[in-house]
Amino acid sequence: MVSTETEAVPAEPETAAATETAAPTEEAAPEAPAPKKPRAARTPSTAKKTRTVELTLTVTGTAEGDWQAELSQGGKRVLQGLAIPAAAVSRAAAELHEDISKAIEVVIDTAREAHRARMAELEAELSKVKAALAELQDN
């Protein structure tokens, strides 16, 4: 039993001394940042670079079904006010995307209905004019 007591007594002061000496060492010597490795020189790519050309095509339409196109390149107008048939706009929109085609078809359908209504009005007016002309010829 005597040997156990002797071993326990010296262990406590050593542990306390080790703790006290470890703390000041960490505070006194902050960690130095690791030196950065120089980057390797980048070798130029052997791939062929693709040159892009930015063109902006603006297609505008009216409720009456008149369509025009404007083409710009780099902010400079190349073409302006070019008349385009509604059928060509419809075909081009169908080729691009279904959502674009649906939106444009709504505008074209509205124009068709407006033209049909105008045509019905003109046909009714033409009928009245023909009737008036027939009355004049009977006399």
C-alpha atoms as a PDB file:
ATOM      1  CA  MET A   1       0.000   0.000   0.000  1.00  0.00           C
ATOM      2  CA  VAL A   2       2.820   2.358   0.632  1.00  0.00           C
ATOM      3  CA  SER A   3       3.962   2.244  -2.952  1.00  0.00           C
ATOM      4  CA  THR A   4       0.564   3.277  -4.218  1.00  0.00           C
ATOM      5  CA  GLU A   5       0.477   6.414  -2.097  1.00  0.00           C
ATOM      6  CA  THR A   6       3.892   7.468  -3.301  1.00  0.00           C
ATOM      7  CA  GLU A   7       2.956   7.186  -6.913  1.00  0.00           C
ATOM      8  CA  ALA A   8      -0.268   9.161  -6.484  1.00  0.00           C
ATOM      9  CA  VAL A   9       1.345  12.131  -4.735  1.00  0.00           C
ATOM     10  CA  PRO A  10       3.905  13.016  -7.410  1.00  0.00           C
ATOM     11  CA  ALA A  11       1.389  12.517 -10.269  1.00  0.00           C
ATOM     12  CA  GLU A  12      -0.814  15.433  -9.236  1.00  0.00           C
ATOM     13  CA  PRO A  13       1.893  18.118  -9.181  1.00  0.00           C
ATOM     14  CA  GLU A  14       3.248  16.948 -12.545  1.00  0.00           C
ATOM     15  CA  THR A  15      -0.186  17.154 -14.156  1.00  0.00           C
ATOM     16  CA  ALA A  16      -0.783  20.653 -12.785  1.00  0.00           C
ATOM     17  CA  ALA A  17       2.696  21.764 -13.852  1.00  0.00           C
ATOM     18  CA  ALA A  18       2.190  20.336 -17.323  1.00  0.00           C
ATOM     19  CA  THR A  19      -1.121  22.181 -17.673  1.00  0.00           C
ATOM     20  CA  GLU A  20       0.351  25.459 -16.464  1.00  0.00           C
ATOM     21  CA  THR A  21       3.322  25.288 -18.804  1.00  0.00           C
ATOM     22  CA  ALA A  22       1.281  24.232 -21.827  1.00  0.00           C
ATOM     23  CA  ALA A  23      -1.103  27.210 -21.717  1.00  0.00           C
ATOM     24  CA  PRO A  24       1.528  29.994 -21.739  1.00  0.00           C
ATOM     25  CA  THR A  25       3.385  28.319 -24.613  1.00  0.00           C
ATOM     26  CA  GLU A  26       0.284  28.354 -26.851  1.00  0.00           C
ATOM     27  CA  GLU A  27      -0.453  32.002 -26.078  1.00  0.00           C
ATOM     28  CA  ALA A  28       3.106  33.182 -26.455  1.00  0.00           C
ATOM     29  CA  ALA A  29       3.775  31.562 -29.850  1.00  0.00           C
ATOM     30  CA  PRO A  30       0.907  32.083 -32.334  1.00  0.00           C
ATOM     31  CA  GLU A  31       0.859  29.770 -35.314  1.00  0.00           C
ATOM     32  CA  ALA A  32       2.658  31.183 -38.327  1.00  0.00           C
ATOM     33  CA  PRO A  33       0.773  30.925 -41.651  1.00  0.00           C
ATOM     34  CA  ALA A  34       2.072  28.275 -43.974  1.00  0.00           C
ATOM     35  CA  PRO A  35       4.062  29.740 -46.859  1.00  0.00           C
ATOM     36  CA  LYS A  36       2.056  29.825 -50.105  1.00  0.00           C
ATOM     37  CA  LYS A  37       3.220  27.686 -52.953  1.00  0.00           C
ATOM     38  CA  PRO A  38       3.796  29.599 -56.185  1.00  0.00           C
ATOM     39  CA  ARG A  39       1.251  28.809 -58.889  1.00  0.00           C
ATOM     40  CA  ALA A  40       2.383  26.867 -61.872  1.00  0.00           C
ATOM     41  CA  ALA A  41       2.413  28.804 -65.116  1.00  0.00           C
ATOM     42  CA  ARG A  42      -0.751  28.158 -67.105  1.00  0.00           C
ATOM     43  CA  THR A  43      -0.142  26.640 -70.475  1.00  0.00           C
ATOM     44  CA  PRO A  44      -2.149  28.243 -73.282  1.00  0.00           C
ATOM     45  CA  SER A  45      -5.039  26.222 -74.641  1.00  0.00           C
ATOM     46  CA  THR A  46      -4.661  24.655 -78.045  1.00  0.00           C
ATOM     47  CA  ALA A  47      -8.445  24.626 -78.538  1.00  0.00           C
ATOM     48  CA  LYS A  48      -9.763  26.905 -81.238  1.00  0.00           C
ATOM     49  CA  LYS A  49     -11.639  29.797 -79.693  1.00  0.00           C
ATOM     50  CA  THR A  50     -15.140  30.313 -81.011  1.00  0.00           C
ATOM     51  CA  ARG A  51     -15.967  33.850 -82.038  1.00  0.00           C
ATOM     52  CA  THR A  52     -19.536  34.740 -81.184  1.00  0.00           C
ATOM     53  CA  VAL A  53     -21.610  37.287 -83.015  1.00  0.00           C
ATOM     54  CA  GLU A  54     -24.453  38.993 -81.213  1.00  0.00           C
ATOM     55  CA  LEU A  55     -27.475  39.706 -83.375  1.00  0.00           C
ATOM     56  CA  THR A  56     -30.785  40.913 -82.010  1.00  0.00           C
ATOM     57  CA  LEU A  57     -33.914  40.247 -84.039  1.00  0.00           C
ATOM     58  CA  THR A  58     -36.992  42.111 -82.869  1.00  0.00           C
ATOM     59  CA  VAL A  59     -40.315  41.136 -84.382  1.00  0.00           C
ATOM     60  CA  THR A  60     -43.283  43.383 -83.640  1.00  0.00           C
ATOM     61  CA  GLY A  61     -46.893  42.930 -84.557  1.00  0.00           C
ATOM     62  CA  THR A  62     -50.073  44.957 -84.397  1.00  0.00           C
ATOM     63  CA  ALA A  63     -53.607  43.926 -83.497  1.00  0.00           C
ATOM     64  CA  GLU A  64     -54.453  44.283 -87.204  1.00  0.00           C
ATOM     65  CA  GLY A  65     -51.917  41.573 -88.093  1.00  0.00           C
ATOM     66  CA  ASP A  66     -49.133  43.743 -89.515  1.00  0.00           C
ATOM     67  CA  TRP A  67     -45.675  42.391 -88.628  1.00  0.00           C
ATOM     68  CA  GLN A  68     -42.285  44.089 -88.886  1.00  0.00           C
ATOM     69  CA  ALA A  69     -38.726  43.041 -88.127  1.00  0.00           C
ATOM     70  CA  GLU A  70     -35.689  44.957 -86.921  1.00  0.00           C
ATOM     71  CA  LEU A  71     -32.175  43.528 -86.847  1.00  0.00           C
ATOM     72  CA  SER A  72     -29.371  44.989 -84.702  1.00  0.00           C
ATOM     73  CA  GLN A  73     -25.740  44.009 -84.371  1.00  0.00           C
ATOM     74  CA  GLY A  74     -23.737  45.378 -81.476  1.00  0.00           C
ATOM     75  CA  GLY A  75     -26.234  48.169 -80.838  1.00  0.00           C
ATOM     76  CA  LYS A  76     -26.237  49.296 -84.481  1.00  0.00           C
ATOM     77  CA  ARG A  77     -29.418  48.804 -86.532  1.00  0.00           C
ATOM     78  CA  VAL A  78     -28.780  46.703 -89.603  1.00  0.00           C
ATOM     79  CA  LEU A  79     -32.414  46.481 -90.792  1.00  0.00           C
ATOM     80  CA  GLN A  80     -35.446  48.428 -89.670  1.00  0.00           C
ATOM     81  CA  GLY A  81     -39.148  48.323 -90.534  1.00  0.00           C
ATOM     82  CA  LEU A  82     -38.949  45.216 -92.721  1.00  0.00           C
ATOM     83  CA  ALA A  83     -42.525  43.986 -93.411  1.00  0.00           C
ATOM     84  CA  ILE A  84     -43.062  40.291 -92.695  1.00  0.00           C
ATOM     85  CA  PRO A  85     -46.143  38.185 -93.519  1.00  0.00           C
ATOM     86  CA  ALA A  86     -48.039  36.812 -90.505  1.00  0.00           C
ATOM     87  CA  ALA A  87     -47.719  33.275 -91.896  1.00  0.00           C
ATOM     88  CA  ALA A  88     -43.908  33.583 -91.870  1.00  0.00           C
ATOM     89  CA  VAL A  89     -43.958  34.800 -88.269  1.00  0.00           C
ATOM     90  CA  SER A  90     -46.186  31.874 -87.313  1.00  0.00           C
ATOM     91  CA  ARG A  91     -43.879  29.322 -89.002  1.00  0.00           C
ATOM     92  CA  ALA A  92     -40.747  30.834 -87.440  1.00  0.00           C
ATOM     93  CA  ALA A  93     -42.334  30.839 -83.976  1.00  0.00           C
ATOM     94  CA  ALA A  94     -43.328  27.186 -84.369  1.00  0.00           C
ATOM     95  CA  GLU A  95     -39.705  26.347 -85.209  1.00  0.00           C
ATOM     96  CA  LEU A  96     -38.327  28.198 -82.177  1.00  0.00           C
ATOM     97  CA  HIS A  97     -40.412  26.952 -79.253  1.00  0.00           C
ATOM     98  CA  GLU A  98     -43.933  25.796 -78.476  1.00  0.00           C
ATOM     99  CA  ASP A  99     -44.498  28.521 -75.843  1.00  0.00           C
ATOM    100  CA  ILE A 100     -43.400  31.255 -78.268  1.00  0.00           C
ATOM    101  CA  SER A 101     -45.656  29.795 -80.937  1.00  0.00           C
ATOM    102  CA  LYS A 102     -48.679  29.767 -78.610  1.00  0.00           C
ATOM    103  CA  ALA A 103     -48.178  33.409 -77.612  1.00  0.00           C
ATOM    104  CA  ILE A 104     -47.829  34.559 -81.213  1.00  0.00           C
ATOM    105  CA  GLU A 105     -50.796  32.471 -82.375  1.00  0.00           C
ATOM    106  CA  VAL A 106     -52.987  34.276 -79.822  1.00  0.00           C
ATOM    107  CA  VAL A 107     -52.050  37.608 -81.427  1.00  0.00           C
ATOM    108  CA  ILE A 108     -52.559  36.253 -84.953  1.00  0.00           C
ATOM    109  CA  ASP A 109     -55.940  34.702 -84.011  1.00  0.00           C
ATOM    110  CA  THR A 110     -57.077  38.029 -82.554  1.00  0.00           C
ATOM    111  CA  ALA A 111     -56.124  39.753 -85.820  1.00  0.00           C
ATOM    112  CA  ARG A 112     -57.978  37.081 -87.832  1.00  0.00           C
ATOM    113  CA  GLU A 113     -61.138  37.618 -85.808  1.00  0.00           C
ATOM    114  CA  ALA A 114     -60.886  41.385 -86.226  1.00  0.00           C
ATOM    115  CA  HIS A 115     -60.504  40.981 -89.993  1.00  0.00           C
ATOM    116  CA  ARG A 116     -63.433  38.542 -90.168  1.00  0.00           C
ATOM    117  CA  ALA A 117     -65.628  40.992 -88.256  1.00  0.00           C
ATOM    118  CA  ARG A 118     -64.560  43.837 -90.557  1.00  0.00           C
ATOM    119  CA  MET A 119     -65.213  41.634 -93.590  1.00  0.00           C
ATOM    120  CA  ALA A 120     -68.748  40.850 -92.310  1.00  0.00           C
ATOM    121  CA  GLU A 121     -69.400  44.579 -91.850  1.00  0.00           C
ATOM    122  CA  LEU A 122     -68.153  45.336 -95.364  1.00  0.00           C
ATOM    123  CA  GLU A 123     -70.208  42.483 -96.850  1.00  0.00           C
ATOM    124  CA  ALA A 124     -73.350  43.820 -95.133  1.00  0.00           C
ATOM    125  CA  GLU A 125     -72.587  47.307 -96.429  1.00  0.00           C
ATOM    126  CA  LEU A 126     -71.937  45.904 -99.918  1.00  0.00           C
ATOM    127  CA  SER A 127     -75.315  44.132 -99.839  1.00  0.00           C
ATOM    128  CA  LYS A 128     -77.032  47.413 -98.961  1.00  0.00           C
ATOM    129  CA  VAL A 129     -75.224  49.238-101.776  1.00  0.00           C
ATOM    130  CA  LYS A 130     -76.154  46.481-104.270  1.00  0.00           C
ATOM    131  CA  ALA A 131     -79.804  46.690-103.163  1.00  0.00           C
ATOM    132  CA  ALA A 132     -79.802  50.481-103.530  1.00  0.00           C
ATOM    133  CA  LEU A 133     -78.221  50.180-106.979  1.00  0.00           C
ATOM    134  CA  ALA A 134     -80.824  47.604-108.050  1.00  0.00           C
ATOM    135  CA  GLU A 135     -83.630  49.949-106.990  1.00  0.00           C
ATOM    136  CA  LEU A 136     -82.133  52.743-109.043  1.00  0.00           C
ATOM    137  CA  GLN A 137     -81.816  50.570-112.141  1.00  0.00           C
ATOM    138  CA  ASP A 138     -85.440  49.371-112.012  1.00  0.00           C
ATOM    139  CA  ASN A 139     -86.727  52.874-112.603  1.00  0.00           C
END
